[in-house]
């Protein structure tokens, strides 16, 4: 009897410790995950990036990569609407609909790097791909933009060849042949 109580108590404690946060990129969010995104978005303050969970940097480089997941998109929507008290799940599902079946990786680079900004347009010679296990996954499309003192390149990848909870590598290559690799562990990203 005492052993059964100890096992039940240990299982309950483990559930409380681990059950509070569900990790691993989910391409279809449950109602519970949407509620979690709302709470996370409310805590986001006015930071431009919600957290390092979605960002990979490399020492010595003037750029970084951020992945946009359905969870992050929902949390950003909440963060960008701080005066609202309630968010309907149906409304949040509309927000994440454009991401359905896709992952968006954004490569940011500081504009202060004149060498980077004077190179040819990304539509000409820059490219990126994902390594998902042994598979190469190529972007469906990409766009460029600027914000503050950064240049951004958004690459939209199909999620069909990417296993939820896997480790993937985002590879960004410049015309000069210089390559930057950024590893994302999808098991640790919501």
N, C-alpha and C. Protein backbone atom coordinates (compact mmCIF):
# COMPACT_ATOMS: atom_id res chain seq x y z
N UNK A 1 0.82 -1.19 0.00
CA UNK A 1 0.00 0.00 0.00
C UNK A 1 0.87 1.26 0.00
N UNK A 2 1.89 1.31 0.90
CA UNK A 2 2.76 2.47 0.96
C UNK A 2 3.53 2.63 -0.35
N UNK A 3 3.95 1.48 -0.92
CA UNK A 3 4.69 1.51 -2.17
C UNK A 3 3.81 2.08 -3.28
N UNK A 4 2.56 1.68 -3.33
CA UNK A 4 1.62 2.18 -4.33
C UNK A 4 1.43 3.69 -4.21
N UNK A 5 1.35 4.17 -2.96
CA UNK A 5 1.20 5.61 -2.74
C UNK A 5 2.45 6.37 -3.19
N UNK A 6 3.64 5.79 -2.89
CA UNK A 6 4.88 6.44 -3.31
C UNK A 6 4.99 6.50 -4.83
N UNK A 7 4.62 5.42 -5.49
CA UNK A 7 4.67 5.39 -6.96
C UNK A 7 3.68 6.41 -7.52
N UNK A 8 2.48 6.46 -6.97
CA UNK A 8 1.47 7.43 -7.43
C UNK A 8 1.95 8.85 -7.20
N UNK A 9 2.53 9.11 -6.03
CA UNK A 9 3.04 10.44 -5.71
C UNK A 9 4.17 10.82 -6.67
N UNK A 10 5.10 9.91 -6.92
CA UNK A 10 6.22 10.18 -7.82
C UNK A 10 5.72 10.44 -9.24
N UNK A 11 4.76 9.66 -9.69
CA UNK A 11 4.19 9.86 -11.03
C UNK A 11 3.50 11.22 -11.12
N UNK A 12 2.76 11.59 -10.08
CA UNK A 12 2.08 12.89 -10.05
C UNK A 12 3.07 14.04 -10.07
N UNK A 13 4.14 13.91 -9.28
CA UNK A 13 5.16 14.96 -9.25
C UNK A 13 5.84 15.10 -10.61
N UNK A 14 6.14 13.97 -11.24
CA UNK A 14 6.75 13.98 -12.56
C UNK A 14 5.83 14.65 -13.58
N UNK A 15 4.55 14.36 -13.50
CA UNK A 15 3.57 14.98 -14.40
C UNK A 15 3.53 16.49 -14.19
N UNK A 16 3.55 16.94 -12.93
CA UNK A 16 3.53 18.38 -12.65
C UNK A 16 4.78 19.07 -13.16
N UNK A 17 5.92 18.40 -13.03
CA UNK A 17 7.18 18.99 -13.47
C UNK A 17 7.26 19.02 -14.99
N UNK A 18 6.97 17.91 -15.65
CA UNK A 18 7.11 17.82 -17.09
C UNK A 18 5.85 18.21 -17.85
N UNK A 19 4.71 18.06 -17.23
CA UNK A 19 3.46 18.29 -17.94
C UNK A 19 3.12 19.74 -18.15
N UNK A 20 3.78 20.64 -17.47
CA UNK A 20 3.47 22.06 -17.59
C UNK A 20 3.83 22.63 -18.95
N UNK A 21 4.85 22.11 -19.60
CA UNK A 21 5.27 22.63 -20.90
C UNK A 21 5.37 21.48 -21.88
N UNK A 22 4.64 21.57 -22.95
CA UNK A 22 4.74 20.55 -23.97
C UNK A 22 5.66 21.07 -25.06
N UNK A 23 6.74 20.37 -25.30
CA UNK A 23 7.68 20.77 -26.33
C UNK A 23 7.51 19.90 -27.55
N UNK A 24 8.21 20.23 -28.57
CA UNK A 24 8.22 19.61 -29.89
C UNK A 24 7.30 20.42 -30.79
N UNK A 25 7.84 20.80 -31.92
CA UNK A 25 7.07 21.56 -32.89
C UNK A 25 5.84 20.76 -33.26
N UNK A 26 4.70 21.38 -33.17
CA UNK A 26 3.45 20.77 -33.61
C UNK A 26 2.95 21.58 -34.79
N UNK A 27 2.59 20.89 -35.85
CA UNK A 27 2.10 21.57 -37.03
C UNK A 27 0.61 21.85 -36.92
N UNK A 28 -0.12 21.07 -36.14
CA UNK A 28 -1.53 21.31 -35.83
C UNK A 28 -1.64 21.47 -34.33
N UNK A 29 -2.03 22.65 -33.86
CA UNK A 29 -2.07 22.89 -32.43
C UNK A 29 -3.41 22.47 -31.83
N UNK A 30 -3.34 21.86 -30.66
CA UNK A 30 -4.55 21.50 -29.92
C UNK A 30 -5.06 22.75 -29.21
N UNK A 31 -6.27 22.66 -28.66
CA UNK A 31 -6.82 23.78 -27.88
C UNK A 31 -5.91 24.10 -26.70
N UNK A 32 -5.37 23.08 -26.07
CA UNK A 32 -4.47 23.28 -24.93
C UNK A 32 -3.20 24.01 -25.36
N UNK A 33 -2.64 23.65 -26.51
CA UNK A 33 -1.44 24.33 -26.99
C UNK A 33 -1.74 25.78 -27.37
N UNK A 34 -2.94 26.04 -27.90
CA UNK A 34 -3.33 27.42 -28.21
C UNK A 34 -3.42 28.24 -26.92
N UNK A 35 -3.99 27.65 -25.87
CA UNK A 35 -4.07 28.35 -24.58
C UNK A 35 -2.67 28.64 -24.04
N UNK A 36 -1.78 27.69 -24.20
CA UNK A 36 -0.39 27.87 -23.76
C UNK A 36 0.28 28.99 -24.57
N UNK A 37 -0.01 29.08 -25.87
CA UNK A 37 0.55 30.14 -26.71
C UNK A 37 0.02 31.51 -26.28
N UNK A 38 -1.26 31.56 -25.90
CA UNK A 38 -1.83 32.82 -25.41
C UNK A 38 -1.11 33.27 -24.15
N UNK A 39 -0.91 32.37 -23.21
CA UNK A 39 -0.21 32.72 -21.97
C UNK A 39 1.23 33.14 -22.26
N UNK A 40 1.89 32.42 -23.14
CA UNK A 40 3.28 32.75 -23.48
C UNK A 40 3.34 34.13 -24.14
N UNK A 41 2.41 34.41 -25.05
CA UNK A 41 2.36 35.71 -25.73
C UNK A 41 2.13 36.86 -24.77
N UNK A 42 1.32 36.63 -23.75
CA UNK A 42 1.06 37.67 -22.75
C UNK A 42 2.30 37.99 -21.94
N UNK A 43 3.16 37.01 -21.76
CA UNK A 43 4.39 37.21 -21.00
C UNK A 43 5.50 37.82 -21.85
N UNK A 44 5.30 37.88 -23.18
CA UNK A 44 6.35 38.30 -24.10
C UNK A 44 6.74 39.76 -24.02
N UNK A 45 5.95 40.59 -23.37
CA UNK A 45 6.28 42.01 -23.30
C UNK A 45 6.35 42.62 -24.69
N UNK A 46 7.24 43.60 -24.87
CA UNK A 46 7.37 44.16 -26.20
C UNK A 46 8.70 43.80 -26.84
N UNK A 47 9.23 42.64 -26.52
CA UNK A 47 10.42 42.16 -27.21
C UNK A 47 10.07 41.87 -28.66
N UNK A 48 10.99 42.13 -29.56
CA UNK A 48 10.73 41.82 -30.97
C UNK A 48 10.72 40.32 -31.20
N UNK A 49 11.58 39.63 -30.50
CA UNK A 49 11.64 38.18 -30.63
C UNK A 49 11.14 37.59 -29.31
N UNK A 50 10.27 36.62 -29.40
CA UNK A 50 9.68 36.07 -28.19
C UNK A 50 10.64 35.24 -27.36
N UNK A 51 11.69 34.76 -27.92
CA UNK A 51 12.59 33.99 -27.10
C UNK A 51 13.61 33.21 -27.88
N UNK A 52 14.63 32.79 -27.17
CA UNK A 52 15.73 32.07 -27.80
C UNK A 52 15.34 30.67 -28.23
N UNK A 53 14.20 30.21 -27.76
CA UNK A 53 13.72 28.88 -28.15
C UNK A 53 13.66 28.73 -29.68
N UNK A 54 13.36 29.82 -30.37
CA UNK A 54 13.17 29.78 -31.83
C UNK A 54 14.35 30.37 -32.59
N UNK A 55 15.42 30.75 -31.89
CA UNK A 55 16.53 31.46 -32.52
C UNK A 55 17.84 30.72 -32.33
N UNK A 56 18.64 30.68 -33.40
CA UNK A 56 19.98 30.10 -33.32
C UNK A 56 20.97 31.14 -33.82
N UNK A 57 21.98 31.40 -33.01
CA UNK A 57 23.05 32.32 -33.38
C UNK A 57 24.36 31.56 -33.42
N UNK A 58 25.34 32.18 -34.05
CA UNK A 58 26.68 31.59 -34.09
C UNK A 58 27.68 32.66 -33.68
N UNK A 59 28.58 32.36 -32.76
CA UNK A 59 29.59 33.34 -32.35
C UNK A 59 30.40 33.82 -33.55
N UNK A 60 30.63 35.12 -33.60
CA UNK A 60 31.46 35.68 -34.66
C UNK A 60 30.73 36.02 -35.95
N UNK A 61 29.49 35.60 -36.08
CA UNK A 61 28.73 35.92 -37.29
C UNK A 61 27.84 37.12 -37.05
N UNK A 62 27.58 37.87 -38.09
CA UNK A 62 26.73 39.05 -37.98
C UNK A 62 25.29 38.73 -38.33
N UNK A 63 24.91 37.48 -38.26
CA UNK A 63 23.55 37.09 -38.59
C UNK A 63 23.05 36.00 -37.67
N UNK A 64 21.76 35.73 -37.73
CA UNK A 64 21.15 34.67 -36.94
C UNK A 64 19.92 34.18 -37.68
N UNK A 65 19.40 33.05 -37.25
CA UNK A 65 18.23 32.45 -37.89
C UNK A 65 17.15 32.23 -36.85
N UNK A 66 15.92 32.50 -37.26
CA UNK A 66 14.76 32.31 -36.39
C UNK A 66 13.76 31.46 -37.15
N UNK A 67 13.16 30.49 -36.48
CA UNK A 67 12.14 29.66 -37.11
C UNK A 67 10.77 30.10 -36.59
N UNK A 68 9.82 30.19 -37.51
CA UNK A 68 8.46 30.57 -37.12
C UNK A 68 7.61 29.30 -37.18
N UNK A 69 7.06 28.95 -36.04
CA UNK A 69 6.19 27.78 -35.90
C UNK A 69 4.77 28.26 -35.65
N UNK A 70 3.78 27.38 -35.77
CA UNK A 70 2.41 27.79 -35.45
C UNK A 70 2.27 28.33 -34.02
N UNK A 71 2.95 27.70 -33.06
CA UNK A 71 2.90 28.15 -31.67
C UNK A 71 3.44 29.58 -31.57
N UNK A 72 4.59 29.83 -32.18
CA UNK A 72 5.21 31.15 -32.12
C UNK A 72 4.32 32.19 -32.80
N UNK A 73 3.70 31.83 -33.93
CA UNK A 73 2.83 32.77 -34.64
C UNK A 73 1.64 33.17 -33.77
N UNK A 74 1.04 32.19 -33.08
CA UNK A 74 -0.09 32.49 -32.20
C UNK A 74 0.35 33.36 -31.03
N UNK A 75 1.50 33.05 -30.43
CA UNK A 75 2.01 33.84 -29.31
C UNK A 75 2.34 35.26 -29.74
N UNK A 76 2.91 35.43 -30.94
CA UNK A 76 3.22 36.77 -31.45
C UNK A 76 1.94 37.58 -31.68
N UNK A 77 0.90 36.92 -32.18
CA UNK A 77 -0.38 37.60 -32.40
C UNK A 77 -0.91 38.15 -31.08
N UNK A 78 -0.83 37.34 -30.03
CA UNK A 78 -1.29 37.77 -28.71
C UNK A 78 -0.42 38.93 -28.22
N UNK A 79 0.89 38.78 -28.34
CA UNK A 79 1.81 39.82 -27.88
C UNK A 79 1.58 41.14 -28.60
N UNK A 80 1.23 41.07 -29.89
CA UNK A 80 1.01 42.27 -30.69
C UNK A 80 -0.35 42.91 -30.46
N UNK A 81 -1.19 42.30 -29.66
CA UNK A 81 -2.51 42.82 -29.31
C UNK A 81 -2.68 42.86 -27.80
N UNK A 82 -1.85 43.63 -27.09
CA UNK A 82 -1.83 43.60 -25.63
C UNK A 82 -3.10 44.12 -24.97
N UNK A 83 -3.88 44.94 -25.65
CA UNK A 83 -5.08 45.51 -25.02
C UNK A 83 -6.24 44.52 -24.99
N UNK A 84 -6.13 43.44 -25.75
CA UNK A 84 -7.22 42.47 -25.78
C UNK A 84 -7.14 41.52 -24.60
N UNK A 85 -8.28 41.20 -24.06
CA UNK A 85 -8.35 40.29 -22.90
C UNK A 85 -8.54 38.83 -23.33
N UNK A 86 -9.29 38.61 -24.42
CA UNK A 86 -9.62 37.24 -24.82
C UNK A 86 -9.27 37.01 -26.28
N UNK A 87 -8.93 35.78 -26.58
CA UNK A 87 -8.63 35.35 -27.94
C UNK A 87 -9.35 34.03 -28.19
N UNK A 88 -10.18 34.00 -29.20
CA UNK A 88 -10.91 32.78 -29.53
C UNK A 88 -9.97 31.82 -30.26
N UNK A 89 -10.11 30.53 -29.97
CA UNK A 89 -9.27 29.54 -30.65
C UNK A 89 -9.47 29.60 -32.16
N UNK A 90 -10.71 29.88 -32.60
CA UNK A 90 -10.97 29.96 -34.04
C UNK A 90 -10.17 31.11 -34.67
N UNK A 91 -10.06 32.21 -33.95
CA UNK A 91 -9.29 33.35 -34.44
C UNK A 91 -7.80 32.99 -34.52
N UNK A 92 -7.29 32.31 -33.50
CA UNK A 92 -5.89 31.91 -33.50
C UNK A 92 -5.60 30.89 -34.60
N UNK A 93 -6.58 30.03 -34.87
CA UNK A 93 -6.40 29.05 -35.96
C UNK A 93 -6.31 29.77 -37.31
N UNK A 94 -7.03 30.88 -37.48
CA UNK A 94 -6.91 31.67 -38.71
C UNK A 94 -5.52 32.28 -38.83
N UNK A 95 -4.97 32.70 -37.70
CA UNK A 95 -3.63 33.30 -37.68
C UNK A 95 -2.58 32.29 -38.12
N UNK A 96 -2.71 31.05 -37.65
CA UNK A 96 -1.68 30.04 -37.96
C UNK A 96 -1.96 29.28 -39.25
N UNK A 97 -3.11 29.50 -39.86
CA UNK A 97 -3.47 28.79 -41.09
C UNK A 97 -2.41 28.93 -42.19
N UNK A 98 -1.86 30.13 -42.44
CA UNK A 98 -0.84 30.24 -43.49
C UNK A 98 0.41 29.38 -43.25
N UNK A 99 0.63 29.01 -41.99
CA UNK A 99 1.79 28.17 -41.68
C UNK A 99 1.51 26.68 -41.84
N UNK A 100 0.26 26.33 -42.02
CA UNK A 100 -0.11 24.92 -42.08
C UNK A 100 0.72 24.19 -43.14
N UNK A 101 1.41 23.19 -42.71
CA UNK A 101 2.22 22.40 -43.63
C UNK A 101 3.56 23.03 -43.97
N UNK A 102 3.90 24.16 -43.33
CA UNK A 102 5.15 24.85 -43.63
C UNK A 102 5.89 25.25 -42.36
N UNK A 103 7.19 25.42 -42.50
CA UNK A 103 8.01 26.07 -41.49
C UNK A 103 8.71 27.23 -42.18
N UNK A 104 8.75 28.36 -41.51
CA UNK A 104 9.41 29.53 -42.08
C UNK A 104 10.68 29.82 -41.29
N UNK A 105 11.79 29.84 -41.99
CA UNK A 105 13.08 30.19 -41.39
C UNK A 105 13.46 31.56 -41.92
N UNK A 106 13.80 32.46 -41.02
CA UNK A 106 14.23 33.80 -41.41
C UNK A 106 15.68 33.98 -41.04
N UNK A 107 16.48 34.32 -42.04
CA UNK A 107 17.88 34.63 -41.82
C UNK A 107 17.99 36.14 -41.70
N UNK A 108 18.51 36.63 -40.58
CA UNK A 108 18.71 38.06 -40.35
C UNK A 108 20.19 38.36 -40.44
N UNK A 109 20.51 39.50 -41.06
CA UNK A 109 21.90 39.93 -41.16
C UNK A 109 21.95 41.43 -40.94
N UNK A 110 22.90 41.90 -40.12
CA UNK A 110 23.02 43.33 -39.86
C UNK A 110 23.39 44.08 -41.13
N UNK A 111 22.70 45.18 -41.41
CA UNK A 111 22.98 46.01 -42.58
C UNK A 111 24.35 46.67 -42.47
N UNK A 112 24.86 46.76 -41.29
CA UNK A 112 26.15 47.43 -41.10
C UNK A 112 27.27 46.73 -41.84
N UNK A 113 27.06 45.50 -42.23
CA UNK A 113 28.05 44.74 -42.97
C UNK A 113 27.93 45.12 -44.45
N UNK A 114 28.71 46.14 -44.89
CA UNK A 114 28.61 46.64 -46.26
C UNK A 114 28.86 45.55 -47.30
N UNK A 115 29.77 44.64 -47.01
CA UNK A 115 30.08 43.58 -47.96
C UNK A 115 28.82 42.76 -48.26
N UNK A 116 28.05 42.46 -47.22
CA UNK A 116 26.83 41.66 -47.42
C UNK A 116 25.79 42.45 -48.21
N UNK A 117 25.60 43.72 -47.89
CA UNK A 117 24.54 44.50 -48.53
C UNK A 117 24.87 44.85 -49.97
N UNK A 118 26.13 44.82 -50.38
CA UNK A 118 26.49 45.16 -51.75
C UNK A 118 26.56 43.94 -52.65
N UNK A 119 26.33 42.78 -52.13
CA UNK A 119 26.33 41.57 -52.95
C UNK A 119 25.05 41.52 -53.78
N UNK A 120 25.00 40.64 -54.77
CA UNK A 120 23.79 40.54 -55.60
C UNK A 120 22.56 40.16 -54.78
N UNK A 121 21.42 40.39 -55.35
CA UNK A 121 20.13 40.11 -54.72
C UNK A 121 20.01 38.63 -54.34
N UNK A 122 19.35 38.34 -53.21
CA UNK A 122 19.14 36.94 -52.81
C UNK A 122 18.38 36.14 -53.87
N UNK A 123 17.57 36.81 -54.67
CA UNK A 123 16.83 36.06 -55.69
C UNK A 123 17.76 35.56 -56.78
N UNK A 124 18.99 36.07 -56.80
CA UNK A 124 19.93 35.61 -57.79
C UNK A 124 20.83 34.50 -57.29
N UNK A 125 21.56 34.75 -56.20
CA UNK A 125 22.60 33.80 -55.86
C UNK A 125 22.62 33.28 -54.44
N UNK A 126 21.89 33.88 -53.53
CA UNK A 126 21.83 33.34 -52.18
C UNK A 126 20.85 32.18 -52.19
N UNK A 127 21.12 31.17 -51.40
CA UNK A 127 20.11 30.14 -51.27
C UNK A 127 20.25 29.43 -49.93
N UNK A 128 19.20 28.69 -49.62
CA UNK A 128 19.17 27.95 -48.36
C UNK A 128 18.47 26.64 -48.59
N UNK A 129 18.75 25.69 -47.72
CA UNK A 129 18.04 24.42 -47.71
C UNK A 129 18.10 23.87 -46.30
N UNK A 130 17.29 22.86 -46.04
CA UNK A 130 17.29 22.17 -44.76
C UNK A 130 17.85 20.78 -44.95
N UNK A 131 18.55 20.32 -43.94
CA UNK A 131 18.95 18.91 -43.86
C UNK A 131 18.09 18.29 -42.77
N UNK A 132 17.22 17.40 -43.18
CA UNK A 132 16.35 16.69 -42.24
C UNK A 132 16.75 15.22 -42.29
N UNK A 133 17.63 14.83 -41.38
CA UNK A 133 18.19 13.49 -41.45
C UNK A 133 19.07 13.41 -42.68
N UNK A 134 18.76 12.50 -43.58
CA UNK A 134 19.52 12.35 -44.83
C UNK A 134 18.86 13.10 -45.98
N UNK A 135 17.72 13.73 -45.72
CA UNK A 135 16.97 14.40 -46.78
C UNK A 135 17.34 15.87 -46.90
N UNK A 136 17.40 16.33 -48.13
CA UNK A 136 17.52 17.75 -48.41
C UNK A 136 16.11 18.27 -48.65
N UNK A 137 15.77 19.37 -47.99
CA UNK A 137 14.46 19.99 -48.16
C UNK A 137 14.72 21.40 -48.68
N UNK A 138 14.13 21.70 -49.84
CA UNK A 138 14.36 22.99 -50.48
C UNK A 138 13.16 23.90 -50.26
N UNK A 139 13.40 25.22 -50.21
CA UNK A 139 12.30 26.15 -49.95
C UNK A 139 11.30 26.19 -51.10
N UNK A 140 10.04 26.41 -50.74
CA UNK A 140 8.99 26.60 -51.73
C UNK A 140 9.12 28.00 -52.33
N UNK A 141 9.49 28.96 -51.49
CA UNK A 141 9.64 30.35 -51.92
C UNK A 141 10.43 31.10 -50.84
N UNK A 142 10.89 32.28 -51.21
CA UNK A 142 11.52 33.14 -50.22
C UNK A 142 11.33 34.59 -50.62
N UNK A 143 11.41 35.43 -49.60
CA UNK A 143 11.25 36.87 -49.79
C UNK A 143 12.34 37.58 -49.00
N UNK A 144 12.57 38.83 -49.35
CA UNK A 144 13.56 39.62 -48.63
C UNK A 144 12.88 40.84 -48.03
N UNK A 145 13.49 41.39 -47.02
CA UNK A 145 12.95 42.58 -46.38
C UNK A 145 13.99 43.23 -45.50
N UNK A 146 13.62 44.34 -44.92
CA UNK A 146 14.49 45.01 -43.97
C UNK A 146 13.67 45.41 -42.76
N UNK A 147 14.31 45.42 -41.62
CA UNK A 147 13.71 45.95 -40.40
C UNK A 147 14.85 46.52 -39.57
N UNK A 148 14.65 47.72 -39.10
CA UNK A 148 15.66 48.41 -38.31
C UNK A 148 16.99 48.38 -39.06
N UNK A 149 18.02 47.79 -38.47
CA UNK A 149 19.34 47.75 -39.13
C UNK A 149 19.66 46.34 -39.60
N UNK A 150 18.63 45.62 -40.05
CA UNK A 150 18.81 44.23 -40.46
C UNK A 150 18.21 44.00 -41.84
N UNK A 151 18.80 43.07 -42.54
CA UNK A 151 18.23 42.55 -43.76
C UNK A 151 17.68 41.18 -43.39
N UNK A 152 16.51 40.85 -43.89
CA UNK A 152 15.94 39.54 -43.58
C UNK A 152 15.61 38.79 -44.86
N UNK A 153 15.80 37.50 -44.83
CA UNK A 153 15.44 36.62 -45.93
C UNK A 153 14.55 35.53 -45.34
N UNK A 154 13.29 35.49 -45.76
CA UNK A 154 12.33 34.49 -45.27
C UNK A 154 12.27 33.32 -46.25
N UNK A 155 12.55 32.13 -45.75
CA UNK A 155 12.50 30.92 -46.56
C UNK A 155 11.36 30.05 -46.04
N UNK A 156 10.43 29.70 -46.92
CA UNK A 156 9.27 28.88 -46.56
C UNK A 156 9.55 27.45 -47.03
N UNK A 157 9.59 26.53 -46.07
CA UNK A 157 9.88 25.13 -46.38
C UNK A 157 8.65 24.26 -46.14
N UNK A 158 8.46 23.24 -46.98
CA UNK A 158 7.35 22.31 -46.72
C UNK A 158 7.68 21.45 -45.50
N UNK A 159 6.72 21.25 -44.64
CA UNK A 159 6.96 20.47 -43.43
C UNK A 159 6.75 18.97 -43.63
N UNK A 160 6.25 18.59 -44.78
CA UNK A 160 5.91 17.18 -45.00
C UNK A 160 7.09 16.23 -44.86
N UNK A 161 8.29 16.68 -45.17
CA UNK A 161 9.47 15.83 -45.06
C UNK A 161 10.21 16.00 -43.74
N UNK A 162 9.61 16.75 -42.82
CA UNK A 162 10.26 17.02 -41.54
C UNK A 162 9.48 16.35 -40.43
N UNK A 163 10.14 15.50 -39.69
CA UNK A 163 9.48 14.81 -38.59
C UNK A 163 9.37 15.73 -37.38
N UNK A 164 8.20 15.76 -36.75
CA UNK A 164 8.04 16.53 -35.52
C UNK A 164 9.01 15.96 -34.49
N UNK A 165 9.71 16.85 -33.80
CA UNK A 165 10.64 16.41 -32.76
C UNK A 165 12.01 16.00 -33.28
N UNK A 166 12.30 16.22 -34.56
CA UNK A 166 13.60 15.82 -35.09
C UNK A 166 14.60 16.98 -35.01
N UNK A 167 15.83 16.69 -35.34
CA UNK A 167 16.85 17.72 -35.41
C UNK A 167 17.08 18.04 -36.88
N UNK A 168 17.08 19.32 -37.22
CA UNK A 168 17.30 19.73 -38.60
C UNK A 168 18.38 20.79 -38.65
N UNK A 169 18.97 20.92 -39.82
CA UNK A 169 20.00 21.93 -40.02
C UNK A 169 19.55 22.87 -41.13
N UNK A 170 19.53 24.16 -40.82
CA UNK A 170 19.25 25.19 -41.81
C UNK A 170 20.60 25.61 -42.38
N UNK A 171 20.77 25.50 -43.69
CA UNK A 171 22.03 25.84 -44.34
C UNK A 171 21.79 27.04 -45.24
N UNK A 172 22.55 28.11 -45.00
CA UNK A 172 22.46 29.34 -45.79
C UNK A 172 23.78 29.52 -46.51
N UNK A 173 23.72 29.69 -47.83
CA UNK A 173 24.94 29.80 -48.61
C UNK A 173 24.94 31.10 -49.42
N UNK A 174 26.08 31.79 -49.38
CA UNK A 174 26.26 33.04 -50.12
C UNK A 174 26.90 32.75 -51.48
N UNK A 175 26.84 33.74 -52.41
CA UNK A 175 27.44 33.56 -53.72
C UNK A 175 28.94 33.24 -53.65
N UNK A 176 29.61 33.76 -52.64
CA UNK A 176 31.05 33.52 -52.50
C UNK A 176 31.34 32.07 -52.12
N UNK A 177 30.30 31.32 -51.76
CA UNK A 177 30.49 29.95 -51.32
C UNK A 177 30.51 29.82 -49.81
N UNK A 178 30.57 30.96 -49.11
CA UNK A 178 30.56 30.93 -47.64
C UNK A 178 29.24 30.36 -47.17
N UNK A 179 29.31 29.39 -46.30
CA UNK A 179 28.12 28.69 -45.83
C UNK A 179 27.98 28.82 -44.33
N UNK A 180 26.75 29.03 -43.90
CA UNK A 180 26.44 29.10 -42.48
C UNK A 180 25.44 28.00 -42.17
N UNK A 181 25.73 27.19 -41.17
CA UNK A 181 24.83 26.10 -40.75
C UNK A 181 24.27 26.43 -39.38
N UNK A 182 22.97 26.26 -39.22
CA UNK A 182 22.29 26.52 -37.96
C UNK A 182 21.46 25.29 -37.61
N UNK A 183 21.74 24.68 -36.47
CA UNK A 183 21.05 23.46 -36.07
C UNK A 183 19.88 23.79 -35.15
N UNK A 184 18.72 23.24 -35.47
CA UNK A 184 17.51 23.41 -34.67
C UNK A 184 17.05 22.04 -34.19
N UNK A 185 16.79 21.94 -32.91
CA UNK A 185 16.25 20.71 -32.33
C UNK A 185 14.75 20.92 -32.15
N UNK A 186 13.97 20.38 -33.07
CA UNK A 186 12.52 20.62 -33.06
C UNK A 186 11.84 20.00 -31.85
N UNK A 187 12.55 19.14 -31.14
CA UNK A 187 12.01 18.56 -29.93
C UNK A 187 11.99 19.56 -28.77
N UNK A 188 12.76 20.64 -28.91
CA UNK A 188 12.87 21.64 -27.85
C UNK A 188 12.20 22.95 -28.23
N UNK A 189 11.48 22.95 -29.35
CA UNK A 189 10.83 24.16 -29.84
C UNK A 189 9.33 23.91 -29.91
N UNK A 190 8.55 24.90 -29.46
CA UNK A 190 7.10 24.76 -29.56
C UNK A 190 6.60 25.41 -30.83
